[in-house]
Amino acid sequence: MLNRVLNVAAVLAFAWACPSGARQVHETVGWRPTAIPLLNFSSDDGTGYGLRANLFEYDGQSVPYRRKYSAQVFITTKGKWVHRVLVDAPEFRPGRRLEVELVYEKEDFANYYGGLSDEDIAEYSRDQRTFRQAFPEFKVKWIRT
């Protein structure tokens, strides 16, 4: 019984706190920055730290936003990098979305998965078992909506 009363009270409090005439985010005009911390762990790459920052441009008409500018910096303790810059225009032209992205991925110690057995690989040093690789990418997406 107490659980029901608490649930009803929570619903009523939520309904009271949200005004019915509240504007949606896309109905606002101006710029809105956001930042998202990035954290992960992988046994191959170690602990990863980074930040993704977004800047949204709202014009009061476009849904979900007029433009989004995004930048990411991400580095792991075992030498992996993933950096990116993105521009997203959901209504670049009527019925067309444009995304332009520049990505740079780098690994200092990428594992080699060749035809050797585990016993054969165990005899090699870390530098001999791994290799360095980097992937710069430029992506353009033209999407019909």
Foldseek 3Di string as FASTA:
>chain_A
DVVVVVVVVVVVVVVVVDDPPDDDPLQDAAKDKDKDWDWDADPVFGIKTKMKIKIFGHHRPDPPGQKIWIWMWMHHPQAWTKTKIKIWGCCPDPQKIKIKMKIKIKGAFAADDDDDDPVVLVVDDSPVRGHIDMDIDIDMDIDGD
